[in-house]
Amino acid sequence: MTSLARGQNAALSQTSVPVSISGVAPGSVDLFAIQVTDDGRVRSDADLVFFNSPTSPEGAVRLTGPDVLTLDLALVPASISTVRLAVALDDKVPGSLAAIPGLSARVGADDCPATGLTSERAAVLAEVYRRNGAWKVRNVSAGWDRGLVALLTEHGVTVDGPPPAAAPPAPPAPSYPPAQPAYQPPPAQPTYQQPPAYQPPAYQQPPAPAYPPAQPAYQQPPAPAPAAPPVNLSKITLTKSAPTVSLAKSSERPTGTMRVNLNWTQGKKGLFGGGNAVDLDLACFYELRNGDRGGVQALGNSFGSIDRPPFIQLDADDRSGRSQGGENLHINLAHLDDFVRILIFAYIYEGTPNWASANGVVTLFPPGGPEVEVRLDNPDRRAISCAIAQLHVVNGELTVTREVQYIHGSQRAVAEAYNWGLNFTPGRK
């Protein structure tokens, strides 16, 4: 891998380019991609790719994890000259980006380590730009002292902020002077009686005076076209004091899939197999409206299905914790009414129970809504399983409730703790 100094660039030889942020704990930093034109600004807010809008309009930029995305440079429209890669500290994380050792943006085979940052909480680490028909990557390492909102605003993004002040009342119609009364000719003069020897000329009516044309009626100016809604940078973190949030309603006919992502830090293996390395697996139990119950997990190759019952699918088994996208469950929300409840849990398949070093974070990505985060905090070193969150569908409404209950046992113990009533047989991955 080539390391680029600040301001240094390198040519990109492929059009499909993976991008990841290294040196950060899961959930501590958010990744943003900004498509800009030659003037350094977005065409519209849709050119910002982040956790609430994970795909660019043409599909050239796709966010596949909290700190990883893919670039398909063949799909970047001609009007876009640069894709800037920015990071910002999560609101719950104190300090600045400079305090993160090893902070770096990896773009394909090139590494762009953050350099020269001081007190900034948001920065553009790198950019992928078009030059003479070819694509290059440059280490930018430019921070914004005023934070993420200032960074995005400078690139032309309209960011959701405090509620706008009430619109001023419409101006009153202008007061025009009253119309002049119609001209009334003076009364006719009595006929002058001249002595018979003299006949005066007939009296000529004077021409009516010319008044200015009447003013047109005041026309209220047309209302301005409604502005596009601003970008919403909100993120929901479920806590003990606020454990539940509503995600979707069947009456709104939700479509698409909700992704449930597990990310964690691998740890290190000892010389003779010890150390704090863990194989942390994401799984779920489900109960459908027709009475079916079961589990989706890598153990026993029970990966599920997105188009057939149980309408839940596991996409990968990350044995190392190094996968940039972590592990993901996908839930088909088009079948929302088929679900009764879903329990999201994780278990340690291999390694010493060490939840503290794993820094586990589960994030739900409902389509069209803010991401929902559950952190695996308050770890129990004796437990090998953790029930993370429970989803319920009641009267057509999908809610998610934080659990984070550490359980001293495997999947069977988790099922028993939540009264799932399942039978288990030995299985391997």
Protein backbone atom coordinates (compact mmCIF):
# COMPACT_ATOMS: atom_id res chain seq x y z
CA MET A 1 0.00 0.00 0.00
CA THR A 2 1.29 3.46 -0.96
CA SER A 3 1.17 6.18 1.72
CA LEU A 4 0.48 9.67 0.34
CA ALA A 5 1.75 12.77 2.14
CA ARG A 6 -0.50 15.77 2.56
CA GLY A 7 -1.10 17.29 -0.90
CA GLN A 8 0.42 14.30 -2.73
CA ASN A 9 -1.61 12.52 -5.41
CA ALA A 10 -1.55 9.19 -7.22
CA ALA A 11 -3.32 7.74 -10.25
CA LEU A 12 -6.15 5.25 -9.78
CA SER A 13 -5.92 2.29 -12.13
CA GLN A 14 -9.38 0.81 -11.46
CA THR A 15 -12.88 2.24 -11.65
CA SER A 16 -14.19 0.22 -8.70
CA VAL A 17 -12.50 1.68 -5.62
CA PRO A 18 -13.08 0.65 -1.98
CA VAL A 19 -12.74 3.38 0.64
CA SER A 20 -12.40 2.86 4.38
CA ILE A 21 -11.44 4.85 7.46
CA SER A 22 -8.79 3.25 9.67
CA GLY A 23 -7.58 3.94 13.16
CA VAL A 24 -11.01 4.52 14.72
CA ALA A 25 -13.18 2.55 17.13
CA PRO A 26 -16.53 1.40 15.70
CA GLY A 27 -19.19 4.11 15.99
CA SER A 28 -16.79 6.92 16.94
CA VAL A 29 -16.44 8.54 13.50
CA ASP A 30 -18.95 9.03 10.67
CA LEU A 31 -17.89 8.90 7.03
CA PHE A 32 -19.25 11.33 4.41
CA ALA A 33 -18.73 11.51 0.64
CA ILE A 34 -19.49 14.76 -1.19
CA GLN A 35 -19.83 14.90 -4.97
CA VAL A 36 -18.91 18.39 -6.20
CA THR A 37 -18.69 20.17 -9.54
CA ASP A 38 -15.82 22.33 -10.80
CA ASP A 39 -16.88 25.15 -8.45
CA GLY A 40 -16.44 22.89 -5.42
CA ARG A 41 -20.14 22.71 -4.58
CA VAL A 42 -22.84 20.06 -4.79
CA ARG A 43 -25.49 20.08 -7.49
CA SER A 44 -28.09 19.41 -4.78
CA ASP A 45 -28.20 17.93 -1.30
CA ALA A 46 -28.54 14.47 -2.91
CA ASP A 47 -24.80 14.66 -3.72
CA LEU A 48 -24.04 14.15 -0.01
CA VAL A 49 -23.70 10.44 0.84
CA PHE A 50 -23.87 9.59 4.54
CA PHE A 51 -25.73 7.38 7.03
CA ASN A 52 -29.16 8.90 6.28
CA SER A 53 -28.61 8.90 2.49
CA PRO A 54 -26.26 5.99 1.72
CA THR A 55 -26.30 6.09 -2.11
CA SER A 56 -25.64 8.90 -4.60
CA PRO A 57 -28.31 9.62 -7.25
CA GLU A 58 -26.48 7.73 -10.02
CA GLY A 59 -25.24 4.94 -7.73
CA ALA A 60 -21.57 5.89 -8.10
CA VAL A 61 -21.05 6.21 -4.33
CA ARG A 62 -22.44 3.65 -1.88
CA LEU A 63 -21.99 3.70 1.89
CA THR A 64 -21.83 0.04 2.97
CA GLY A 65 -20.84 0.49 6.62
CA PRO A 66 -20.34 3.25 9.19
CA ASP A 67 -16.77 3.82 8.00
CA VAL A 68 -16.62 2.15 4.57
CA LEU A 69 -17.96 2.94 1.09
CA THR A 70 -17.40 1.94 -2.54
CA LEU A 71 -16.81 4.19 -5.55
CA ASP A 72 -17.82 3.16 -9.06
CA LEU A 73 -16.03 5.84 -11.06
CA ALA A 74 -17.64 4.67 -14.31
CA LEU A 75 -21.00 5.87 -12.92
CA VAL A 76 -19.85 9.34 -11.80
CA PRO A 77 -21.73 11.86 -14.01
CA ALA A 78 -19.72 14.17 -16.25
CA SER A 79 -20.82 17.23 -14.24
CA ILE A 80 -19.06 15.88 -11.14
CA SER A 81 -15.32 16.54 -11.07
CA THR A 82 -14.45 15.49 -7.52
CA VAL A 83 -15.64 13.15 -4.76
CA ARG A 84 -14.44 14.44 -1.38
CA LEU A 85 -14.12 12.00 1.52
CA ALA A 86 -14.81 13.57 4.91
CA VAL A 87 -15.08 12.34 8.49
CA ALA A 88 -16.64 13.81 11.61
CA LEU A 89 -16.51 12.73 15.23
CA ASP A 90 -19.77 11.35 16.56
CA ASP A 91 -21.57 13.84 18.82
CA LYS A 92 -21.01 11.58 21.83
CA VAL A 93 -17.23 11.42 21.34
CA PRO A 94 -15.24 14.20 23.05
CA GLY A 95 -12.05 15.78 21.78
CA SER A 96 -10.84 16.28 18.24
CA LEU A 97 -9.76 14.23 15.24
CA ALA A 98 -6.13 15.00 16.05
CA ALA A 99 -6.46 12.82 19.16
CA ILE A 100 -7.11 9.68 17.05
CA PRO A 101 -3.81 7.91 16.40
CA GLY A 102 -3.55 6.35 12.97
CA LEU A 103 -6.57 8.18 11.51
CA SER A 104 -6.43 7.57 7.78
CA ALA A 105 -8.52 7.24 4.62
CA ARG A 106 -7.64 4.19 2.56
CA VAL A 107 -8.61 4.69 -1.07
CA GLY A 108 -7.98 1.56 -3.10
CA ALA A 109 -4.28 0.76 -2.74
CA ASP A 110 -3.40 4.23 -1.42
CA ASP A 111 -3.34 5.36 2.20
CA CYS A 112 -4.06 9.00 3.06
CA PRO A 113 -3.07 9.51 6.73
CA ALA A 114 -4.50 12.58 8.45
CA THR A 115 -1.76 15.19 8.81
CA GLY A 116 -1.65 18.63 10.43
CA LEU A 117 -5.01 18.46 12.23
CA THR A 118 -5.25 20.22 15.61
CA SER A 119 -8.64 20.98 17.21
CA GLU A 120 -10.93 20.05 14.32
CA ARG A 121 -13.88 17.65 14.76
CA ALA A 122 -14.56 17.40 11.00
CA ALA A 123 -12.15 17.15 8.09
CA VAL A 124 -11.80 16.23 4.43
CA LEU A 125 -9.16 13.51 4.51
CA ALA A 126 -8.90 12.76 0.79
CA GLU A 127 -10.47 13.44 -2.57
CA VAL A 128 -10.87 11.45 -5.77
CA TYR A 129 -10.81 13.79 -8.75
CA ARG A 130 -10.91 13.75 -12.55
CA ARG A 131 -7.88 15.04 -14.46
CA ASN A 132 -7.50 14.82 -18.27
CA GLY A 133 -9.96 11.95 -18.50
CA ALA A 134 -8.29 9.91 -15.73
CA TRP A 135 -8.99 9.59 -12.02
CA LYS A 136 -6.56 10.43 -9.22
CA VAL A 137 -6.57 10.45 -5.44
CA ARG A 138 -5.08 13.22 -3.28
CA ASN A 139 -4.39 13.43 0.46
CA VAL A 140 -6.18 16.64 1.53
CA SER A 141 -6.11 16.58 5.38
CA ALA A 142 -8.10 19.81 5.69
CA GLY A 143 -10.06 20.37 8.90
CA TRP A 144 -12.95 22.69 9.79
CA ASP A 145 -12.72 24.37 13.20
CA ARG A 146 -16.46 25.07 13.23
CA GLY A 147 -17.33 21.41 12.70
CA LEU A 148 -19.34 19.29 10.30
CA VAL A 149 -22.12 21.79 9.59
CA ALA A 150 -19.57 24.38 8.46
CA LEU A 151 -17.80 21.81 6.28
CA LEU A 152 -21.02 20.79 4.55
CA THR A 153 -22.33 24.33 4.20
CA GLU A 154 -19.12 25.40 2.48
CA HIS A 155 -19.77 22.66 -0.09
CA GLY A 156 -23.30 23.98 -0.76
CA VAL A 157 -25.26 21.48 1.35
CA THR A 158 -28.33 22.81 3.17
CA VAL A 159 -28.11 21.38 6.68
CA ASP A 160 -31.04 20.96 9.00
CA GLY A 161 -30.65 23.29 11.97
CA PRO A 162 -32.84 25.12 14.51
CA PRO A 163 -36.41 25.66 13.32
CA PRO A 164 -36.66 28.69 11.09
CA ALA A 165 -38.34 31.79 12.41
CA ALA A 166 -42.00 32.24 11.56
CA ALA A 167 -42.49 33.68 8.12
CA PRO A 168 -43.25 37.41 8.19
CA PRO A 169 -46.84 38.34 7.32
CA ALA A 170 -47.53 39.20 3.74
CA PRO A 171 -47.09 42.92 3.08
CA PRO A 172 -50.38 44.85 2.92
CA ALA A 173 -51.57 45.85 -0.47
CA PRO A 174 -50.11 49.25 -1.37
CA SER A 175 -52.40 52.19 -0.87
CA TYR A 176 -53.00 54.01 -4.12
CA PRO A 177 -54.53 57.48 -4.24
CA PRO A 178 -58.31 57.42 -4.77
CA ALA A 179 -59.40 57.56 -8.35
CA GLN A 180 -60.12 61.08 -9.64
CA PRO A 181 -63.81 61.79 -10.20
CA ALA A 182 -64.89 61.74 -13.80
CA TYR A 183 -64.61 65.13 -15.40
CA GLN A 184 -67.85 67.05 -15.35
CA PRO A 185 -68.09 69.76 -17.95
CA PRO A 186 -69.13 73.16 -16.60
CA PRO A 187 -72.79 74.03 -17.00
CA ALA A 188 -73.64 75.55 -20.29
CA GLN A 189 -73.37 79.33 -20.36
CA PRO A 190 -76.54 81.26 -21.12
CA THR A 191 -76.76 82.36 -24.68
CA TYR A 192 -75.30 85.75 -25.06
CA GLN A 193 -77.78 88.13 -26.67
CA GLN A 194 -75.88 90.34 -29.03
CA PRO A 195 -77.51 93.21 -30.66
CA PRO A 196 -78.85 92.08 -33.97
CA ALA A 197 -75.99 93.66 -35.86
CA TYR A 198 -73.44 91.22 -34.39
CA GLN A 199 -73.53 87.35 -34.22
CA PRO A 200 -70.71 85.86 -32.01
CA PRO A 201 -69.18 82.47 -32.96
CA ALA A 202 -70.78 79.41 -31.39
CA TYR A 203 -69.34 78.39 -28.01
CA GLN A 204 -66.74 75.57 -28.32
CA GLN A 205 -66.62 72.94 -25.51
CA PRO A 206 -63.05 72.85 -24.08
CA PRO A 207 -61.30 69.48 -24.46
CA ALA A 208 -61.42 67.16 -21.44
CA PRO A 209 -58.17 67.25 -19.47
CA ALA A 210 -55.94 64.17 -19.88
CA TYR A 211 -55.61 62.22 -16.60
CA PRO A 212 -53.01 59.47 -16.08
CA PRO A 213 -54.35 55.96 -16.77
CA ALA A 214 -55.85 54.17 -13.80
CA GLN A 215 -53.33 52.13 -11.78
CA PRO A 216 -53.66 48.34 -12.22
CA ALA A 217 -55.07 46.39 -9.29
CA TYR A 218 -52.34 45.19 -6.89
CA GLN A 219 -51.28 41.63 -7.63
CA GLN A 220 -49.87 39.56 -4.73
CA PRO A 221 -46.47 38.15 -5.86
CA PRO A 222 -46.58 34.37 -6.42
CA ALA A 223 -45.44 32.25 -3.51
CA PRO A 224 -41.86 30.97 -3.97
CA ALA A 225 -41.46 27.31 -4.87
CA PRO A 226 -41.00 25.15 -1.76
CA ALA A 227 -37.34 24.56 -0.98
CA ALA A 228 -35.96 21.04 -0.83
CA PRO A 229 -35.90 19.70 2.74
CA PRO A 230 -32.52 20.25 4.42
CA VAL A 231 -30.15 17.39 5.10
CA ASN A 232 -30.93 15.67 8.40
CA LEU A 233 -27.75 14.71 10.25
CA SER A 234 -29.60 13.19 13.18
CA LYS A 235 -28.77 9.77 14.57
CA ILE A 236 -30.76 7.94 17.23
CA THR A 237 -28.87 6.16 19.99
CA LEU A 238 -30.97 3.90 22.19
CA THR A 239 -30.08 4.10 25.88
CA LYS A 240 -31.40 2.76 29.16
CA SER A 241 -33.36 5.97 29.70
CA ALA A 242 -34.67 6.12 26.10
CA PRO A 243 -34.72 2.49 24.92
CA THR A 244 -37.49 2.43 22.28
CA VAL A 245 -38.19 4.11 18.95
CA SER A 246 -40.76 3.59 16.19
CA LEU A 247 -39.25 2.67 12.81
CA ALA A 248 -42.09 2.03 10.34
CA LYS A 249 -45.86 1.58 9.95
CA SER A 250 -47.54 -0.83 7.55
CA SER A 251 -50.17 1.85 6.79
CA GLU A 252 -47.36 3.84 5.16
CA ARG A 253 -46.62 0.82 2.95
CA PRO A 254 -42.88 0.64 3.64
CA THR A 255 -40.67 -0.81 0.94
CA GLY A 256 -37.06 -1.88 0.72
CA THR A 257 -34.95 -3.62 3.33
CA MET A 258 -33.72 -2.51 6.70
CA ARG A 259 -30.06 -3.37 7.26
CA VAL A 260 -28.88 -4.36 10.73
CA ASN A 261 -25.09 -4.01 10.96
CA LEU A 262 -22.72 -5.43 13.58
CA ASN A 263 -19.24 -3.93 13.77
CA TRP A 264 -16.53 -4.64 16.30
CA THR A 265 -12.78 -4.51 16.90
CA GLN A 266 -10.98 -7.80 16.30
CA GLY A 267 -8.39 -7.79 19.10
CA LYS A 268 -5.15 -9.80 19.00
CA LYS A 269 -4.37 -13.46 19.38
CA GLY A 270 -1.67 -14.57 21.77
CA LEU A 271 1.34 -16.66 20.83
CA PHE A 272 -0.32 -19.88 21.99
CA GLY A 273 -3.89 -19.05 21.06
CA GLY A 274 -4.70 -16.71 23.94
CA GLY A 275 -5.11 -12.95 23.79
CA ASN A 276 -8.31 -10.96 23.41
CA ALA A 277 -9.28 -11.86 19.81
CA VAL A 278 -12.93 -12.88 19.42
CA ASP A 279 -15.16 -14.21 16.64
CA LEU A 280 -18.34 -12.21 17.27
CA ASP A 281 -21.38 -13.39 15.28
CA LEU A 282 -24.61 -11.55 14.48
CA ALA A 283 -27.85 -13.55 14.58
CA CYS A 284 -31.57 -13.25 15.24
CA PHE A 285 -34.62 -15.22 16.31
CA TYR A 286 -37.91 -14.50 14.55
CA GLU A 287 -41.61 -15.19 15.12
CA LEU A 288 -43.97 -14.82 12.17
CA ARG A 289 -47.69 -14.11 12.16
CA ASN A 290 -48.39 -17.64 10.87
CA GLY A 291 -46.77 -19.12 13.98
CA ASP A 292 -43.40 -20.04 12.46
CA ARG A 293 -40.39 -19.51 14.72
CA GLY A 294 -36.71 -19.96 13.97
CA GLY A 295 -33.29 -18.40 13.79
CA VAL A 296 -31.02 -16.77 11.19
CA GLN A 297 -27.31 -17.30 11.90
CA ALA A 298 -24.06 -18.49 10.37
CA LEU A 299 -24.02 -21.52 12.67
CA GLY A 300 -25.57 -24.39 10.73
CA ASN A 301 -25.58 -22.23 7.57
CA SER A 302 -29.02 -20.86 8.47
CA PHE A 303 -28.61 -17.69 6.42
CA GLY A 304 -32.37 -17.21 5.78
CA SER A 305 -34.01 -15.62 2.74
CA ILE A 306 -35.04 -12.06 1.90
CA ASP A 307 -37.83 -12.97 -0.60
CA ARG A 308 -39.30 -16.01 1.16
CA PRO A 309 -40.09 -16.66 4.82
CA PRO A 310 -38.59 -15.63 7.15
CA PHE A 311 -37.93 -12.53 4.97
CA ILE A 312 -34.62 -12.05 6.86
CA GLN A 313 -31.18 -12.81 5.45
CA LEU A 314 -27.64 -12.80 6.86
CA ASP A 315 -25.14 -11.71 4.21
CA ALA A 316 -21.79 -12.79 5.68
CA ASP A 317 -19.90 -14.34 8.56
CA ASP A 318 -16.95 -12.13 9.55
CA ARG A 319 -14.64 -14.52 11.37
CA SER A 320 -11.95 -11.91 11.98
CA GLY A 321 -13.59 -8.58 12.79
CA ARG A 322 -11.56 -7.07 9.93
CA SER A 323 -14.39 -6.91 7.39
CA GLN A 324 -14.93 -3.27 6.56
CA GLY A 325 -18.69 -3.71 6.41
CA GLY A 326 -18.99 -6.01 9.43
CA GLU A 327 -21.88 -8.49 9.44
CA ASN A 328 -25.35 -7.56 8.20
CA LEU A 329 -28.88 -8.85 8.59
CA HIS A 330 -31.40 -7.63 6.02
CA ILE A 331 -35.12 -7.43 6.92
CA ASN A 332 -37.71 -7.13 4.12
CA LEU A 333 -40.06 -4.38 5.29
CA ALA A 334 -42.50 -5.08 2.44
CA HIS A 335 -43.56 -8.06 4.62
CA LEU A 336 -43.87 -6.01 7.80
CA ASP A 337 -47.28 -7.47 8.67
CA ASP A 338 -45.83 -11.01 8.53
CA PHE A 339 -43.64 -10.36 11.60
CA VAL A 340 -44.60 -10.60 15.26
CA ARG A 341 -41.17 -10.09 16.84
CA ILE A 342 -37.46 -10.34 16.05
CA LEU A 343 -34.65 -10.61 18.62
CA ILE A 344 -31.25 -9.36 17.44
CA PHE A 345 -28.37 -10.91 19.36
CA ALA A 346 -24.65 -11.61 19.11
CA TYR A 347 -22.58 -14.45 20.45
CA ILE A 348 -18.90 -15.28 20.74
CA TYR A 349 -18.21 -18.37 18.63
CA GLU A 350 -14.48 -18.46 19.32
CA GLY A 351 -12.18 -16.67 21.73
CA THR A 352 -12.29 -15.52 25.32
CA PRO A 353 -15.42 -13.55 26.26
CA ASN A 354 -14.11 -10.00 26.07
CA TRP A 355 -16.95 -7.69 25.12
CA ALA A 356 -15.06 -4.64 26.37
CA SER A 357 -12.22 -5.00 23.84
CA ALA A 358 -14.67 -5.86 21.04
CA ASN A 359 -16.32 -2.39 21.24
CA GLY A 360 -19.40 -3.87 19.58
CA VAL A 361 -21.92 -1.55 17.88
CA VAL A 362 -25.17 -2.60 16.21
CA THR A 363 -26.71 -0.07 13.83
CA LEU A 364 -30.12 -0.30 12.15
CA PHE A 365 -30.54 1.50 8.83
CA PRO A 366 -34.29 1.91 8.14
CA PRO A 367 -34.88 3.18 4.59
CA GLY A 368 -35.72 6.88 4.56
CA GLY A 369 -35.10 7.39 8.29
CA PRO A 370 -32.23 8.16 10.65
CA GLU A 371 -29.97 5.31 11.65
CA VAL A 372 -30.55 3.75 15.06
CA GLU A 373 -27.50 2.76 17.11
CA VAL A 374 -27.21 0.33 20.02
CA ARG A 375 -23.84 0.11 21.75
CA LEU A 376 -22.81 -3.08 23.56
CA ASP A 377 -21.77 -1.32 26.75
CA ASN A 378 -21.55 -2.46 30.39
CA PRO A 379 -19.96 -5.80 29.35
CA ASP A 380 -20.06 -9.01 31.37
CA ARG A 381 -16.79 -10.92 30.94
CA ARG A 382 -18.42 -14.22 31.88
CA ALA A 383 -21.13 -14.07 29.20
CA ILE A 384 -20.76 -15.48 25.68
CA SER A 385 -24.05 -14.07 24.30
CA CYS A 386 -25.73 -10.69 24.30
CA ALA A 387 -29.37 -9.95 23.44
CA ILE A 388 -29.03 -6.56 21.78
CA ALA A 389 -32.44 -5.35 20.59
CA GLN A 390 -35.96 -6.62 20.14
CA LEU A 391 -38.26 -5.60 17.29
CA HIS A 392 -42.05 -5.86 17.64
CA VAL A 393 -44.85 -5.31 15.13
CA VAL A 394 -48.03 -4.25 16.98
CA ASN A 395 -51.05 -2.86 15.11
CA GLY A 396 -48.90 -2.46 12.02
CA GLU A 397 -46.18 -0.41 13.76
CA LEU A 398 -42.56 -1.60 13.95
CA THR A 399 -40.67 -0.58 17.08
CA VAL A 400 -37.18 -1.42 18.26
CA THR A 401 -36.24 -1.66 21.93
CA ARG A 402 -32.73 -1.75 23.35
CA GLU A 403 -31.99 -4.88 25.40
CA VAL A 404 -28.18 -5.28 25.85
CA GLN A 405 -28.66 -8.23 28.18
CA TYR A 406 -25.55 -10.42 28.59
CA ILE A 407 -26.40 -14.11 28.90
CA HIS A 408 -24.24 -16.89 30.35
CA GLY A 409 -24.87 -19.42 27.61
CA SER A 410 -25.20 -19.97 23.89
CA GLN A 411 -28.19 -19.55 21.54
CA ARG A 412 -30.28 -22.01 23.55
CA ALA A 413 -29.90 -19.85 26.67
CA VAL A 414 -30.86 -16.73 24.68
CA ALA A 415 -33.99 -18.42 23.31
CA GLU A 416 -34.99 -19.63 26.79
CA ALA A 417 -34.45 -16.19 28.32
CA TYR A 418 -36.91 -14.69 25.80
CA ASN A 419 -39.39 -17.61 25.72
CA TRP A 420 -38.84 -18.50 22.08
CA GLY A 421 -39.62 -22.21 22.51
CA LEU A 422 -37.08 -23.57 19.99
CA ASN A 423 -35.39 -26.96 19.77
CA PHE A 424 -31.65 -26.99 19.10
CA THR A 425 -29.29 -29.51 17.53
CA PRO A 426 -25.45 -29.28 17.39
CA GLY A 427 -24.12 -27.30 14.44
CA ARG A 428 -20.91 -25.81 13.04
CA LYS A 429 -19.95 -23.05 10.67
